[in-house]
Amino acid sequence: MSNHKDKKTGRFLCERLFVDLDYSIDDCSEVAGVTPKTVYKWIKAGHWREKKVETKSLDYLININLKRALNQSLNRYIEDPKNANIENLMCLLLKFNKQDK
């Protein structure tokens, strides 16, 4: 990558691949067109490993809370199946749950 803007874009792309999609350093470097050493420096400087752990923890917590909300909504729906608000909430939560997978 020759210019600053391209390198900045490559760094952002690498961060997303490494943190969110679990790409390896070598895979990130290949996609961004930089050396693995450059990616390693970005990881260290940007604290990407810490971000990866935090992201996985947050994803886990979101998933747990989504399941709790679905369970509570289902129980409320069983108690009062004519309640349109609960039915709408359940539909929304189920769509979000499918989208998350």
N, C-alpha and C. Protein backbone atom coordinates (compact mmCIF):
# COMPACT_ATOMS: atom_id res chain seq x y z
N MET A 1 0.85 -1.18 0.00
CA MET A 1 0.00 0.00 0.00
C MET A 1 0.89 1.23 0.00
N SER A 2 0.61 2.08 -0.95
CA SER A 2 1.54 3.19 -1.12
C SER A 2 1.16 4.45 -0.37
N ASN A 3 -0.09 4.79 -0.31
CA ASN A 3 -0.40 6.06 0.35
C ASN A 3 -1.06 5.85 1.71
N HIS A 4 -1.11 6.94 2.44
CA HIS A 4 -1.60 6.92 3.83
C HIS A 4 -3.07 6.48 3.91
N LYS A 5 -3.90 6.96 3.00
CA LYS A 5 -5.33 6.62 3.03
C LYS A 5 -5.52 5.11 2.82
N ASP A 6 -4.78 4.54 1.87
CA ASP A 6 -4.88 3.10 1.63
C ASP A 6 -4.44 2.31 2.85
N LYS A 7 -3.39 2.76 3.50
CA LYS A 7 -2.90 2.05 4.69
C LYS A 7 -3.91 2.15 5.83
N LYS A 8 -4.53 3.32 5.98
CA LYS A 8 -5.54 3.50 7.02
C LYS A 8 -6.74 2.60 6.76
N THR A 9 -7.17 2.52 5.50
CA THR A 9 -8.28 1.63 5.12
C THR A 9 -7.89 0.18 5.37
N GLY A 10 -6.67 -0.19 5.01
CA GLY A 10 -6.18 -1.55 5.24
C GLY A 10 -6.13 -1.89 6.72
N ARG A 11 -5.73 -0.94 7.53
CA ARG A 11 -5.67 -1.15 8.98
C ARG A 11 -7.08 -1.37 9.54
N PHE A 12 -8.03 -0.55 9.11
CA PHE A 12 -9.41 -0.70 9.56
C PHE A 12 -9.96 -2.06 9.15
N LEU A 13 -9.72 -2.45 7.89
CA LEU A 13 -10.18 -3.74 7.39
C LEU A 13 -9.55 -4.87 8.20
N CYS A 14 -8.25 -4.80 8.42
CA CYS A 14 -7.55 -5.83 9.20
C CYS A 14 -8.12 -5.93 10.61
N GLU A 15 -8.40 -4.81 11.23
CA GLU A 15 -8.94 -4.83 12.59
C GLU A 15 -10.29 -5.55 12.61
N ARG A 16 -11.14 -5.24 11.65
CA ARG A 16 -12.45 -5.91 11.60
C ARG A 16 -12.28 -7.42 11.37
N LEU A 17 -11.39 -7.77 10.46
CA LEU A 17 -11.16 -9.19 10.16
C LEU A 17 -10.59 -9.92 11.37
N PHE A 18 -9.63 -9.31 12.04
CA PHE A 18 -8.95 -9.93 13.17
C PHE A 18 -9.87 -10.00 14.40
N VAL A 19 -10.49 -8.89 14.73
CA VAL A 19 -11.30 -8.81 15.95
C VAL A 19 -12.65 -9.51 15.78
N ASP A 20 -13.35 -9.21 14.71
CA ASP A 20 -14.72 -9.69 14.55
C ASP A 20 -14.83 -11.06 13.89
N LEU A 21 -13.92 -11.35 12.95
CA LEU A 21 -14.05 -12.58 12.16
C LEU A 21 -12.97 -13.60 12.45
N ASP A 22 -12.09 -13.29 13.39
CA ASP A 22 -11.07 -14.25 13.83
C ASP A 22 -10.06 -14.64 12.74
N TYR A 23 -9.79 -13.74 11.83
CA TYR A 23 -8.77 -14.00 10.82
C TYR A 23 -7.39 -14.05 11.47
N SER A 24 -6.49 -14.81 10.88
CA SER A 24 -5.11 -14.86 11.37
C SER A 24 -4.35 -13.63 10.91
N ILE A 25 -3.19 -13.41 11.49
CA ILE A 25 -2.34 -12.29 11.09
C ILE A 25 -1.95 -12.43 9.62
N ASP A 26 -1.59 -13.64 9.20
CA ASP A 26 -1.21 -13.86 7.81
C ASP A 26 -2.36 -13.58 6.85
N ASP A 27 -3.55 -14.03 7.20
CA ASP A 27 -4.72 -13.79 6.34
C ASP A 27 -5.04 -12.30 6.25
N CYS A 28 -4.96 -11.61 7.38
CA CYS A 28 -5.20 -10.16 7.39
C CYS A 28 -4.20 -9.43 6.52
N SER A 29 -2.95 -9.81 6.64
CA SER A 29 -1.90 -9.14 5.86
C SER A 29 -2.10 -9.36 4.37
N GLU A 30 -2.52 -10.57 4.00
CA GLU A 30 -2.75 -10.87 2.60
C GLU A 30 -3.90 -10.03 2.03
N VAL A 31 -4.99 -9.93 2.79
CA VAL A 31 -6.14 -9.16 2.34
C VAL A 31 -5.79 -7.68 2.20
N ALA A 32 -5.05 -7.16 3.17
CA ALA A 32 -4.73 -5.72 3.18
C ALA A 32 -3.53 -5.37 2.30
N GLY A 33 -2.77 -6.37 1.89
CA GLY A 33 -1.60 -6.11 1.05
C GLY A 33 -0.44 -5.52 1.82
N VAL A 34 -0.31 -5.91 3.09
CA VAL A 34 0.81 -5.46 3.91
C VAL A 34 1.51 -6.70 4.48
N THR A 35 2.63 -6.49 5.12
CA THR A 35 3.35 -7.63 5.69
C THR A 35 2.71 -8.07 7.00
N PRO A 36 2.91 -9.34 7.38
CA PRO A 36 2.43 -9.79 8.67
C PRO A 36 3.01 -8.97 9.82
N LYS A 37 4.25 -8.50 9.66
CA LYS A 37 4.89 -7.68 10.70
C LYS A 37 4.10 -6.38 10.91
N THR A 38 3.63 -5.79 9.83
CA THR A 38 2.82 -4.56 9.93
C THR A 38 1.53 -4.84 10.68
N VAL A 39 0.87 -5.94 10.35
CA VAL A 39 -0.38 -6.30 11.03
C VAL A 39 -0.11 -6.54 12.51
N TYR A 40 0.98 -7.22 12.82
CA TYR A 40 1.34 -7.46 14.23
C TYR A 40 1.51 -6.13 14.97
N LYS A 41 2.16 -5.17 14.34
CA LYS A 41 2.35 -3.85 14.97
C LYS A 41 1.00 -3.17 15.20
N TRP A 42 0.10 -3.28 14.23
CA TRP A 42 -1.24 -2.70 14.38
C TRP A 42 -1.99 -3.36 15.54
N ILE A 43 -1.86 -4.68 15.63
CA ILE A 43 -2.54 -5.42 16.70
C ILE A 43 -2.05 -4.94 18.06
N LYS A 44 -0.75 -4.82 18.17
CA LYS A 44 -0.16 -4.40 19.45
C LYS A 44 -0.52 -2.95 19.78
N ALA A 45 -0.38 -2.07 18.81
CA ALA A 45 -0.64 -0.65 19.05
C ALA A 45 -2.12 -0.37 19.31
N GLY A 46 -2.99 -1.11 18.63
CA GLY A 46 -4.44 -0.87 18.76
C GLY A 46 -5.13 -1.73 19.80
N HIS A 47 -4.34 -2.58 20.48
CA HIS A 47 -4.90 -3.47 21.52
C HIS A 47 -6.02 -4.35 20.96
N TRP A 48 -5.79 -4.88 19.76
CA TRP A 48 -6.82 -5.68 19.10
C TRP A 48 -7.13 -6.97 19.83
N ARG A 49 -6.14 -7.57 20.45
CA ARG A 49 -6.40 -8.83 21.18
C ARG A 49 -7.38 -8.57 22.33
N GLU A 50 -7.19 -7.47 23.03
CA GLU A 50 -8.10 -7.12 24.12
C GLU A 50 -9.50 -6.84 23.57
N LYS A 51 -9.57 -6.16 22.43
CA LYS A 51 -10.86 -5.87 21.80
C LYS A 51 -11.55 -7.17 21.38
N LYS A 52 -10.77 -8.13 20.91
CA LYS A 52 -11.33 -9.41 20.48
C LYS A 52 -11.97 -10.13 21.67
N VAL A 53 -11.28 -10.14 22.80
CA VAL A 53 -11.82 -10.78 24.01
C VAL A 53 -13.09 -10.07 24.46
N GLU A 54 -13.05 -8.74 24.46
CA GLU A 54 -14.21 -7.96 24.88
C GLU A 54 -15.40 -8.19 23.94
N THR A 55 -15.14 -8.23 22.65
CA THR A 55 -16.20 -8.46 21.67
C THR A 55 -16.85 -9.82 21.87
N LYS A 56 -16.03 -10.84 22.09
CA LYS A 56 -16.58 -12.19 22.31
C LYS A 56 -17.40 -12.22 23.60
N SER A 57 -16.93 -11.54 24.64
CA SER A 57 -17.68 -11.49 25.90
C SER A 57 -19.02 -10.79 25.71
N LEU A 58 -19.01 -9.68 24.98
CA LEU A 58 -20.25 -8.95 24.73
C LEU A 58 -21.22 -9.77 23.89
N ASP A 59 -20.70 -10.45 22.87
CA ASP A 59 -21.56 -11.30 22.04
C ASP A 59 -22.21 -12.38 22.89
N TYR A 60 -21.45 -12.96 23.80
CA TYR A 60 -21.97 -14.00 24.68
C TYR A 60 -23.09 -13.43 25.56
N LEU A 61 -22.84 -12.28 26.16
CA LEU A 61 -23.84 -11.66 27.03
C LEU A 61 -25.11 -11.28 26.27
N ILE A 62 -24.94 -10.76 25.07
CA ILE A 62 -26.09 -10.40 24.25
C ILE A 62 -26.91 -11.65 23.93
N ASN A 63 -26.23 -12.72 23.59
CA ASN A 63 -26.92 -13.97 23.27
C ASN A 63 -27.68 -14.51 24.47
N ILE A 64 -27.08 -14.48 25.64
CA ILE A 64 -27.75 -14.95 26.86
C ILE A 64 -28.98 -14.09 27.15
N ASN A 65 -28.83 -12.78 27.08
CA ASN A 65 -29.96 -11.88 27.37
C ASN A 65 -31.06 -12.00 26.33
N LEU A 66 -30.70 -12.25 25.09
CA LEU A 66 -31.71 -12.46 24.05
C LEU A 66 -32.52 -13.71 24.36
N LYS A 67 -31.85 -14.78 24.75
CA LYS A 67 -32.57 -16.01 25.10
C LYS A 67 -33.48 -15.81 26.30
N ARG A 68 -33.02 -15.04 27.28
CA ARG A 68 -33.86 -14.74 28.45
C ARG A 68 -35.10 -13.96 28.03
N ALA A 69 -34.90 -12.96 27.17
CA ALA A 69 -36.02 -12.14 26.72
C ALA A 69 -37.01 -12.98 25.92
N LEU A 70 -36.50 -13.87 25.07
CA LEU A 70 -37.38 -14.77 24.33
C LEU A 70 -38.18 -15.66 25.27
N ASN A 71 -37.52 -16.20 26.26
CA ASN A 71 -38.18 -17.08 27.24
C ASN A 71 -39.27 -16.33 28.00
N GLN A 72 -38.95 -15.12 28.46
CA GLN A 72 -39.93 -14.33 29.19
C GLN A 72 -41.12 -13.97 28.30
N SER A 73 -40.84 -13.60 27.06
CA SER A 73 -41.92 -13.25 26.13
C SER A 73 -42.79 -14.45 25.83
N LEU A 74 -42.16 -15.59 25.66
CA LEU A 74 -42.93 -16.80 25.40
C LEU A 74 -43.84 -17.14 26.57
N ASN A 75 -43.30 -17.02 27.79
CA ASN A 75 -44.12 -17.28 28.97
C ASN A 75 -45.30 -16.31 29.08
N ARG A 76 -45.04 -15.04 28.78
CA ARG A 76 -46.13 -14.05 28.81
C ARG A 76 -47.16 -14.33 27.72
N TYR A 77 -46.67 -14.74 26.56
CA TYR A 77 -47.57 -15.06 25.46
C TYR A 77 -48.45 -16.27 25.79
N ILE A 78 -47.86 -17.25 26.45
CA ILE A 78 -48.64 -18.43 26.87
C ILE A 78 -49.75 -18.01 27.83
N GLU A 79 -49.44 -17.08 28.73
CA GLU A 79 -50.42 -16.59 29.69
C GLU A 79 -51.53 -15.77 29.02
N ASP A 80 -51.17 -15.02 27.99
CA ASP A 80 -52.13 -14.12 27.34
C ASP A 80 -51.88 -14.09 25.83
N PRO A 81 -52.30 -15.14 25.10
CA PRO A 81 -52.00 -15.23 23.67
C PRO A 81 -52.66 -14.15 22.80
N LYS A 82 -53.65 -13.45 23.34
CA LYS A 82 -54.32 -12.40 22.56
C LYS A 82 -53.64 -11.04 22.68
N ASN A 83 -52.61 -10.95 23.52
CA ASN A 83 -51.91 -9.69 23.71
C ASN A 83 -50.99 -9.45 22.51
N ALA A 84 -51.39 -8.51 21.67
CA ALA A 84 -50.65 -8.22 20.43
C ALA A 84 -49.25 -7.67 20.70
N ASN A 85 -49.09 -6.91 21.78
CA ASN A 85 -47.78 -6.34 22.11
C ASN A 85 -46.76 -7.44 22.39
N ILE A 86 -47.16 -8.44 23.13
CA ILE A 86 -46.26 -9.54 23.44
C ILE A 86 -45.96 -10.34 22.18
N GLU A 87 -46.96 -10.56 21.37
CA GLU A 87 -46.76 -11.29 20.11
C GLU A 87 -45.79 -10.53 19.21
N ASN A 88 -45.93 -9.22 19.11
CA ASN A 88 -45.02 -8.41 18.30
C ASN A 88 -43.59 -8.45 18.85
N LEU A 89 -43.48 -8.39 20.17
CA LEU A 89 -42.16 -8.47 20.79
C LEU A 89 -41.50 -9.81 20.49
N MET A 90 -42.26 -10.88 20.61
CA MET A 90 -41.72 -12.20 20.30
C MET A 90 -41.25 -12.29 18.86
N CYS A 91 -42.03 -11.77 17.94
CA CYS A 91 -41.65 -11.79 16.52
C CYS A 91 -40.35 -11.03 16.30
N LEU A 92 -40.24 -9.87 16.92
CA LEU A 92 -39.04 -9.07 16.80
C LEU A 92 -37.82 -9.79 17.37
N LEU A 93 -37.96 -10.37 18.55
CA LEU A 93 -36.86 -11.10 19.17
C LEU A 93 -36.45 -12.32 18.36
N LEU A 94 -37.42 -13.02 17.81
CA LEU A 94 -37.12 -14.19 16.98
C LEU A 94 -36.38 -13.79 15.71
N LYS A 95 -36.79 -12.68 15.09
CA LYS A 95 -36.08 -12.19 13.90
C LYS A 95 -34.65 -11.81 14.24
N PHE A 96 -34.46 -11.12 15.35
CA PHE A 96 -33.12 -10.73 15.78
C PHE A 96 -32.28 -11.97 16.06
N ASN A 97 -32.87 -12.95 16.70
CA ASN A 97 -32.16 -14.19 17.02
C ASN A 97 -31.72 -14.90 15.73
N LYS A 98 -32.58 -14.98 14.72
CA LYS A 98 -32.22 -15.61 13.46
C LYS A 98 -31.14 -14.84 12.74
N GLN A 99 -31.23 -13.51 12.78
CA GLN A 99 -30.27 -12.64 12.13
C GLN A 99 -28.90 -12.77 12.77
N ASP A 100 -28.87 -12.99 14.08
CA ASP A 100 -27.62 -13.06 14.83
C ASP A 100 -26.83 -14.34 14.52
N LYS A 101 -27.49 -15.37 14.00
CA LYS A 101 -26.82 -16.65 13.76
C LYS A 101 -26.14 -16.72 12.44
